[in-house]
Every structure is written in structure tokens, then in C-alpha cells.
Amino acid sequence: MIIKATSPLFGGWEGQAEVTTQPPVSRYREPVLLIDGFPVDRIAAHLAGYRLIEANEAERSKLARGGYPV
């Protein structure tokens, strides 16, 4: 999927991301956003203002279930 940061602190960054439910990144199989292989929690995603540019339905569903903005 492709996401974009809308917060001015990130200078309009746009790039690839993925969502996983696999341990050890995910506790209790909850969806977790990964950018460059690093987990991003819901609070950090909200502060960065991440918005989906391109994602399939499965990715959107997982992000919504994980509490991320979609």
C-alpha cells in the first residue's frame, strides 16, 4: 500500500507501507502498520496524519480493525 504523511513535520512524505498481524510485531494478532519494516503505533500514525493513497480492501479492513485512520 502507499501512504502519505499530512503533518508538516514530515514534509509531505509518501511511501510504501504494509500491515501485518504476525508475531512478534503484532500482539494478539492485532493489525500493525509497518513502514520500512518498523512498526508504527496508532498514536504515531495519527500524529503523522498518515492517509492512504493506494490500498486494497483487505489492507483497508485490517487498518480499520487495528484503529488506524483509513
PDB file of N, CA and C in Angstrom:
ATOM      1  N   MET A   1       0.843  -1.159   0.000  1.00  0.00           N
ATOM      2  CA  MET A   1       0.000   0.000   0.000  1.00  0.00           C
ATOM      3  C   MET A   1       0.892   1.227   0.000  1.00  0.00           C
ATOM      4  N   ILE A   2       0.321   2.350  -0.371  1.00  0.00           N
ATOM      5  CA  ILE A   2       1.045   3.618  -0.379  1.00  0.00           C
ATOM      6  C   ILE A   2       0.334   4.574   0.572  1.00  0.00           C
ATOM      7  N   ILE A   3       1.123   5.203   1.452  1.00  0.00           N
ATOM      8  CA  ILE A   3       0.561   6.168   2.391  1.00  0.00           C
ATOM      9  C   ILE A   3       1.300   7.491   2.272  1.00  0.00           C
ATOM     10  N   LYS A   4       0.657   8.530   2.793  1.00  0.00           N
ATOM     11  CA  LYS A   4       1.256   9.864   2.775  1.00  0.00           C
ATOM     12  C   LYS A   4       1.055  10.505   4.138  1.00  0.00           C
ATOM     13  N   ALA A   5       2.110  11.178   4.638  1.00  0.00           N
ATOM     14  CA  ALA A   5       2.026  11.915   5.894  1.00  0.00           C
ATOM     15  C   ALA A   5       1.549  13.332   5.585  1.00  0.00           C
ATOM     16  N   THR A   6       0.488  13.762   6.253  1.00  0.00           N
ATOM     17  CA  THR A   6      -0.040  15.103   6.013  1.00  0.00           C
ATOM     18  C   THR A   6       0.450  16.114   7.042  1.00  0.00           C
ATOM     19  N   SER A   7       1.122  15.657   8.089  1.00  0.00           N
ATOM     20  CA  SER A   7       1.668  16.565   9.101  1.00  0.00           C
ATOM     21  C   SER A   7       2.838  17.344   8.506  1.00  0.00           C
ATOM     22  N   PRO A   8       2.912  18.660   8.769  1.00  0.00           N
ATOM     23  CA  PRO A   8       4.039  19.456   8.265  1.00  0.00           C
ATOM     24  C   PRO A   8       5.396  18.981   8.804  1.00  0.00           C
ATOM     25  N   LEU A   9       5.395  18.282   9.929  1.00  0.00           N
ATOM     26  CA  LEU A   9       6.639  17.771  10.486  1.00  0.00           C
ATOM     27  C   LEU A   9       7.305  16.736   9.591  1.00  0.00           C
ATOM     28  N   PHE A  10       6.527  16.084   8.729  1.00  0.00           N
ATOM     29  CA  PHE A  10       7.049  15.029   7.870  1.00  0.00           C
ATOM     30  C   PHE A  10       7.281  15.500   6.438  1.00  0.00           C
ATOM     31  N   GLY A  11       7.021  16.761   6.155  1.00  0.00           N
ATOM     32  CA  GLY A  11       7.313  17.334   4.844  1.00  0.00           C
ATOM     33  C   GLY A  11       6.615  16.665   3.683  1.00  0.00           C
ATOM     34  N   GLY A  12       5.424  16.135   3.918  1.00  0.00           N
ATOM     35  CA  GLY A  12       4.678  15.504   2.823  1.00  0.00           C
ATOM     36  C   GLY A  12       5.225  14.156   2.393  1.00  0.00           C
ATOM     37  N   TRP A  13       5.917  13.457   3.304  1.00  0.00           N
ATOM     38  CA  TRP A  13       6.481  12.146   2.974  1.00  0.00           C
ATOM     39  C   TRP A  13       5.411  11.222   2.406  1.00  0.00           C
ATOM     40  N   GLU A  14       5.782  10.473   1.393  1.00  0.00           N
ATOM     41  CA  GLU A  14       4.904   9.471   0.787  1.00  0.00           C
ATOM     42  C   GLU A  14       5.740   8.239   0.489  1.00  0.00           C
ATOM     43  N   GLY A  15       5.207   7.051   0.812  1.00  0.00           N
ATOM     44  CA  GLY A  15       5.969   5.843   0.551  1.00  0.00           C
ATOM     45  C   GLY A  15       5.187   4.573   0.781  1.00  0.00           C
ATOM     46  N   GLN A  16       5.897   3.466   0.672  1.00  0.00           N
ATOM     47  CA  GLN A  16       5.320   2.137   0.813  1.00  0.00           C
ATOM     48  C   GLN A  16       5.152   1.772   2.281  1.00  0.00           C
ATOM     49  N   ALA A  17       4.105   1.050   2.561  1.00  0.00           N
ATOM     50  CA  ALA A  17       3.851   0.536   3.906  1.00  0.00           C
ATOM     51  C   ALA A  17       3.128  -0.796   3.762  1.00  0.00           C
ATOM     52  N   GLU A  18       3.063  -1.513   4.852  1.00  0.00           N
ATOM     53  CA  GLU A  18       2.301  -2.761   4.866  1.00  0.00           C
ATOM     54  C   GLU A  18       1.648  -2.909   6.227  1.00  0.00           C
ATOM     55  N   VAL A  19       0.710  -3.806   6.301  1.00  0.00           N
ATOM     56  CA  VAL A  19       0.038  -4.087   7.572  1.00  0.00           C
ATOM     57  C   VAL A  19       0.173  -5.578   7.839  1.00  0.00           C
ATOM     58  N   THR A  20       0.489  -5.913   9.103  1.00  0.00           N
ATOM     59  CA  THR A  20       0.699  -7.312   9.451  1.00  0.00           C
ATOM     60  C   THR A  20      -0.043  -7.664  10.735  1.00  0.00           C
ATOM     61  N   THR A  21      -0.321  -8.934  10.856  1.00  0.00           N
ATOM     62  CA  THR A  21      -0.897  -9.463  12.096  1.00  0.00           C
ATOM     63  C   THR A  21      -0.007 -10.576  12.643  1.00  0.00           C
ATOM     64  N   GLN A  22       1.221 -10.638  12.149  1.00  0.00           N
ATOM     65  CA  GLN A  22       2.134 -11.716  12.517  1.00  0.00           C
ATOM     66  C   GLN A  22       2.990 -11.360  13.730  1.00  0.00           C
ATOM     67  N   PRO A  23       3.126 -12.303  14.663  1.00  0.00           N
ATOM     68  CA  PRO A  23       4.052 -12.092  15.771  1.00  0.00           C
ATOM     69  C   PRO A  23       5.485 -12.063  15.223  1.00  0.00           C
ATOM     70  N   PRO A  24       6.448 -11.472  15.836  1.00  0.00           N
ATOM     71  CA  PRO A  24       6.398 -10.820  17.133  1.00  0.00           C
ATOM     72  C   PRO A  24       5.973  -9.353  17.049  1.00  0.00           C
ATOM     73  N   VAL A  25       5.767  -8.841  15.854  1.00  0.00           N
ATOM     74  CA  VAL A  25       5.391  -7.431  15.706  1.00  0.00           C
ATOM     75  C   VAL A  25       4.002  -7.162  16.275  1.00  0.00           C
ATOM     76  N   SER A  26       3.118  -8.081  16.061  1.00  0.00           N
ATOM     77  CA  SER A  26       1.726  -7.911  16.474  1.00  0.00           C
ATOM     78  C   SER A  26       1.429  -8.738  17.723  1.00  0.00           C
ATOM     79  N   ARG A  27       0.942  -8.067  18.741  1.00  0.00           N
ATOM     80  CA  ARG A  27       0.468  -8.795  19.919  1.00  0.00           C
ATOM     81  C   ARG A  27      -0.970  -9.184  19.689  1.00  0.00           C
ATOM     82  N   TYR A  28      -1.314 -10.352  20.071  1.00  0.00           N
ATOM     83  CA  TYR A  28      -2.694 -10.845  19.984  1.00  0.00           C
ATOM     84  C   TYR A  28      -3.258 -10.777  18.570  1.00  0.00           C
ATOM     85  N   ARG A  29      -2.357 -10.792  17.578  1.00  0.00           N
ATOM     86  CA  ARG A  29      -2.752 -10.782  16.156  1.00  0.00           C
ATOM     87  C   ARG A  29      -3.533  -9.529  15.756  1.00  0.00           C
ATOM     88  N   GLU A  30      -3.304  -8.430  16.457  1.00  0.00           N
ATOM     89  CA  GLU A  30      -3.914  -7.159  16.071  1.00  0.00           C
ATOM     90  C   GLU A  30      -3.130  -6.575  14.900  1.00  0.00           C
ATOM     91  N   PRO A  31      -3.793  -5.936  13.951  1.00  0.00           N
ATOM     92  CA  PRO A  31      -3.092  -5.339  12.815  1.00  0.00           C
ATOM     93  C   PRO A  31      -2.132  -4.230  13.247  1.00  0.00           C
ATOM     94  N   VAL A  32      -0.931  -4.261  12.658  1.00  0.00           N
ATOM     95  CA  VAL A  32       0.098  -3.264  12.943  1.00  0.00           C
ATOM     96  C   VAL A  32       0.624  -2.722  11.615  1.00  0.00           C
ATOM     97  N   LEU A  33       0.735  -1.403  11.520  1.00  0.00           N
ATOM     98  CA  LEU A  33       1.271  -0.744  10.335  1.00  0.00           C
ATOM     99  C   LEU A  33       2.792  -0.815  10.371  1.00  0.00           C
ATOM    100  N   LEU A  34       3.404  -1.203   9.253  1.00  0.00           N
ATOM    101  CA  LEU A  34       4.860  -1.264   9.148  1.00  0.00           C
ATOM    102  C   LEU A  34       5.327  -0.322   8.048  1.00  0.00           C
ATOM    103  N   ILE A  35       6.318   0.499   8.378  1.00  0.00           N
ATOM    104  CA  ILE A  35       6.962   1.352   7.381  1.00  0.00           C
ATOM    105  C   ILE A  35       8.446   1.021   7.422  1.00  0.00           C
ATOM    106  N   ASP A  36       8.983   0.623   6.287  1.00  0.00           N
ATOM    107  CA  ASP A  36      10.376   0.183   6.203  1.00  0.00           C
ATOM    108  C   ASP A  36      10.690  -0.903   7.224  1.00  0.00           C
ATOM    109  N   GLY A  37       9.708  -1.756   7.506  1.00  0.00           N
ATOM    110  CA  GLY A  37       9.892  -2.866   8.427  1.00  0.00           C
ATOM    111  C   GLY A  37       9.763  -2.517   9.898  1.00  0.00           C
ATOM    112  N   PHE A  38       9.511  -1.239  10.201  1.00  0.00           N
ATOM    113  CA  PHE A  38       9.378  -0.805  11.587  1.00  0.00           C
ATOM    114  C   PHE A  38       7.911  -0.576  11.933  1.00  0.00           C
ATOM    115  N   PRO A  39       7.470  -1.063  13.084  1.00  0.00           N
ATOM    116  CA  PRO A  39       6.062  -0.868  13.468  1.00  0.00           C
ATOM    117  C   PRO A  39       5.762   0.587  13.810  1.00  0.00           C
ATOM    118  N   VAL A  40       4.570   1.017  13.433  1.00  0.00           N
ATOM    119  CA  VAL A  40       4.082   2.366  13.725  1.00  0.00           C
ATOM    120  C   VAL A  40       2.780   2.210  14.501  1.00  0.00           C
ATOM    121  N   ASP A  41       2.742   2.730  15.722  1.00  0.00           N
ATOM    122  CA  ASP A  41       1.521   2.573  16.511  1.00  0.00           C
ATOM    123  C   ASP A  41       0.449   3.576  16.070  1.00  0.00           C
ATOM    124  N   ARG A  42      -0.760   3.380  16.571  1.00  0.00           N
ATOM    125  CA  ARG A  42      -1.900   4.212  16.160  1.00  0.00           C
ATOM    126  C   ARG A  42      -1.702   5.685  16.505  1.00  0.00           C
ATOM    127  N   ILE A  43      -1.089   5.965  17.649  1.00  0.00           N
ATOM    128  CA  ILE A  43      -0.887   7.355  18.058  1.00  0.00           C
ATOM    129  C   ILE A  43       0.095   8.049  17.120  1.00  0.00           C
ATOM    130  N   ALA A  44       1.197   7.392  16.801  1.00  0.00           N
ATOM    131  CA  ALA A  44       2.185   7.964  15.883  1.00  0.00           C
ATOM    132  C   ALA A  44       1.578   8.160  14.495  1.00  0.00           C
ATOM    133  N   ALA A  45       0.761   7.208  14.062  1.00  0.00           N
ATOM    134  CA  ALA A  45       0.109   7.329  12.755  1.00  0.00           C
ATOM    135  C   ALA A  45      -0.841   8.524  12.728  1.00  0.00           C
ATOM    136  N   HIS A  46      -1.543   8.724  13.832  1.00  0.00           N
ATOM    137  CA  HIS A  46      -2.463   9.863  13.920  1.00  0.00           C
ATOM    138  C   HIS A  46      -1.682  11.181  13.918  1.00  0.00           C
ATOM    139  N   LEU A  47      -0.600  11.269  14.704  1.00  0.00           N
ATOM    140  CA  LEU A  47       0.190  12.493  14.767  1.00  0.00           C
ATOM    141  C   LEU A  47       0.859  12.821  13.435  1.00  0.00           C
ATOM    142  N   ALA A  48       1.267  11.793  12.700  1.00  0.00           N
ATOM    143  CA  ALA A  48       1.874  11.998  11.382  1.00  0.00           C
ATOM    144  C   ALA A  48       0.822  12.352  10.339  1.00  0.00           C
ATOM    145  N   GLY A  49      -0.428  12.073  10.662  1.00  0.00           N
ATOM    146  CA  GLY A  49      -1.504  12.355   9.710  1.00  0.00           C
ATOM    147  C   GLY A  49      -1.464  11.443   8.497  1.00  0.00           C
ATOM    148  N   TYR A  50      -1.065  10.183   8.698  1.00  0.00           N
ATOM    149  CA  TYR A  50      -0.984   9.257   7.572  1.00  0.00           C
ATOM    150  C   TYR A  50      -2.347   9.072   6.915  1.00  0.00           C
ATOM    151  N   ARG A  51      -2.356   9.138   5.603  1.00  0.00           N
ATOM    152  CA  ARG A  51      -3.557   8.909   4.805  1.00  0.00           C
ATOM    153  C   ARG A  51      -3.231   7.900   3.715  1.00  0.00           C
ATOM    154  N   LEU A  52      -4.180   7.044   3.422  1.00  0.00           N
ATOM    155  CA  LEU A  52      -3.985   6.042   2.372  1.00  0.00           C
ATOM    156  C   LEU A  52      -4.078   6.698   1.001  1.00  0.00           C
ATOM    157  N   ILE A  53      -3.103   6.427   0.179  1.00  0.00           N
ATOM    158  CA  ILE A  53      -3.122   6.864  -1.213  1.00  0.00           C
ATOM    159  C   ILE A  53      -3.606   5.700  -2.077  1.00  0.00           C
ATOM    160  N   GLU A  54      -3.077   4.528  -1.774  1.00  0.00           N
ATOM    161  CA  GLU A  54      -3.452   3.324  -2.534  1.00  0.00           C
ATOM    162  C   GLU A  54      -3.417   2.123  -1.607  1.00  0.00           C
ATOM    163  N   ALA A  55      -4.517   1.368  -1.564  1.00  0.00           N
ATOM    164  CA  ALA A  55      -4.587   0.158  -0.735  1.00  0.00           C
ATOM    165  C   ALA A  55      -5.742  -0.705  -1.223  1.00  0.00           C
ATOM    166  N   ASN A  56      -5.595  -2.006  -1.070  1.00  0.00           N
ATOM    167  CA  ASN A  56      -6.692  -2.885  -1.446  1.00  0.00           C
ATOM    168  C   ASN A  56      -7.677  -3.013  -0.279  1.00  0.00           C
ATOM    169  N   GLU A  57      -8.780  -3.661  -0.503  1.00  0.00           N
ATOM    170  CA  GLU A  57      -9.838  -3.777   0.519  1.00  0.00           C
ATOM    171  C   GLU A  57      -9.356  -4.511   1.759  1.00  0.00           C
ATOM    172  N   ALA A  58      -8.551  -5.565   1.588  1.00  0.00           N
ATOM    173  CA  ALA A  58      -8.047  -6.326   2.740  1.00  0.00           C
ATOM    174  C   ALA A  58      -7.165  -5.439   3.617  1.00  0.00           C
ATOM    175  N   GLU A  59      -6.305  -4.640   2.999  1.00  0.00           N
ATOM    176  CA  GLU A  59      -5.438  -3.739   3.767  1.00  0.00           C
ATOM    177  C   GLU A  59      -6.257  -2.684   4.502  1.00  0.00           C
ATOM    178  N   ARG A  60      -7.238  -2.115   3.819  1.00  0.00           N
ATOM    179  CA  ARG A  60      -8.108  -1.115   4.448  1.00  0.00           C
ATOM    180  C   ARG A  60      -8.863  -1.712   5.643  1.00  0.00           C
ATOM    181  N   SER A  61      -9.347  -2.913   5.470  1.00  0.00           N
ATOM    182  CA  SER A  61     -10.087  -3.580   6.530  1.00  0.00           C
ATOM    183  C   SER A  61      -9.200  -3.842   7.746  1.00  0.00           C
ATOM    184  N   LYS A  62      -7.978  -4.331   7.511  1.00  0.00           N
ATOM    185  CA  LYS A  62      -7.054  -4.595   8.617  1.00  0.00           C
ATOM    186  C   LYS A  62      -6.700  -3.310   9.355  1.00  0.00           C
ATOM    187  N   LEU A  63      -6.436  -2.233   8.606  1.00  0.00           N
ATOM    188  CA  LEU A  63      -6.096  -0.966   9.249  1.00  0.00           C
ATOM    189  C   LEU A  63      -7.250  -0.447  10.101  1.00  0.00           C
ATOM    190  N   ALA A  64      -8.451  -0.536   9.574  1.00  0.00           N
ATOM    191  CA  ALA A  64      -9.624  -0.080  10.330  1.00  0.00           C
ATOM    192  C   ALA A  64      -9.800  -0.914  11.593  1.00  0.00           C
ATOM    193  N   ARG A  65      -9.601  -2.223  11.469  1.00  0.00           N
ATOM    194  CA  ARG A  65      -9.721  -3.115  12.635  1.00  0.00           C
ATOM    195  C   ARG A  65      -8.661  -2.810  13.685  1.00  0.00           C
ATOM    196  N   GLY A  66      -7.488  -2.346  13.219  1.00  0.00           N
ATOM    197  CA  GLY A  66      -6.398  -2.001  14.135  1.00  0.00           C
ATOM    198  C   GLY A  66      -6.514  -0.595  14.725  1.00  0.00           C
ATOM    199  N   GLY A  67      -7.530   0.172  14.284  1.00  0.00           N
ATOM    200  CA  GLY A  67      -7.720   1.508  14.816  1.00  0.00           C
ATOM    201  C   GLY A  67      -6.920   2.586  14.129  1.00  0.00           C
ATOM    202  N   TYR A  68      -6.369   2.292  12.959  1.00  0.00           N
ATOM    203  CA  TYR A  68      -5.615   3.277  12.194  1.00  0.00           C
ATOM    204  C   TYR A  68      -6.560   4.098  11.314  1.00  0.00           C
ATOM    205  N   PRO A  69      -6.167   5.345  11.002  1.00  0.00           N
ATOM    206  CA  PRO A  69      -7.002   6.142  10.099  1.00  0.00           C
ATOM    207  C   PRO A  69      -6.993   5.537   8.687  1.00  0.00           C
ATOM    208  N   VAL A  70      -8.153   5.444   8.077  1.00  0.00           N
ATOM    209  CA  VAL A  70      -8.223   4.887   6.720  1.00  0.00           C
ATOM    210  C   VAL A  70      -8.858   5.830   5.737  1.00  0.00           C
TER     211      VAL A  70
END
